[in-house]
């Protein structure tokens, strides 16, 4: 289980290296549900590896520099 989890974390970070993305964009890029993308993004944010900026209803995620 942890191996698959780490795989998604790495895929998300690879996406965010190119540009900031919303939950919807991450879910479409990785072909996963919005709920799954949201869960992995929250974990990465909790681990202090990414940051989030709330813009209206949207949440924009980017790699922490």
Foldseek 3Di string as FASTA:
>chain_A
DVVVLVVLLVVLQVVQVVHKDWLVVSCVVVVHDSVVSVVSQVVCVVVVQWDWDDDPPTIIIHGDD
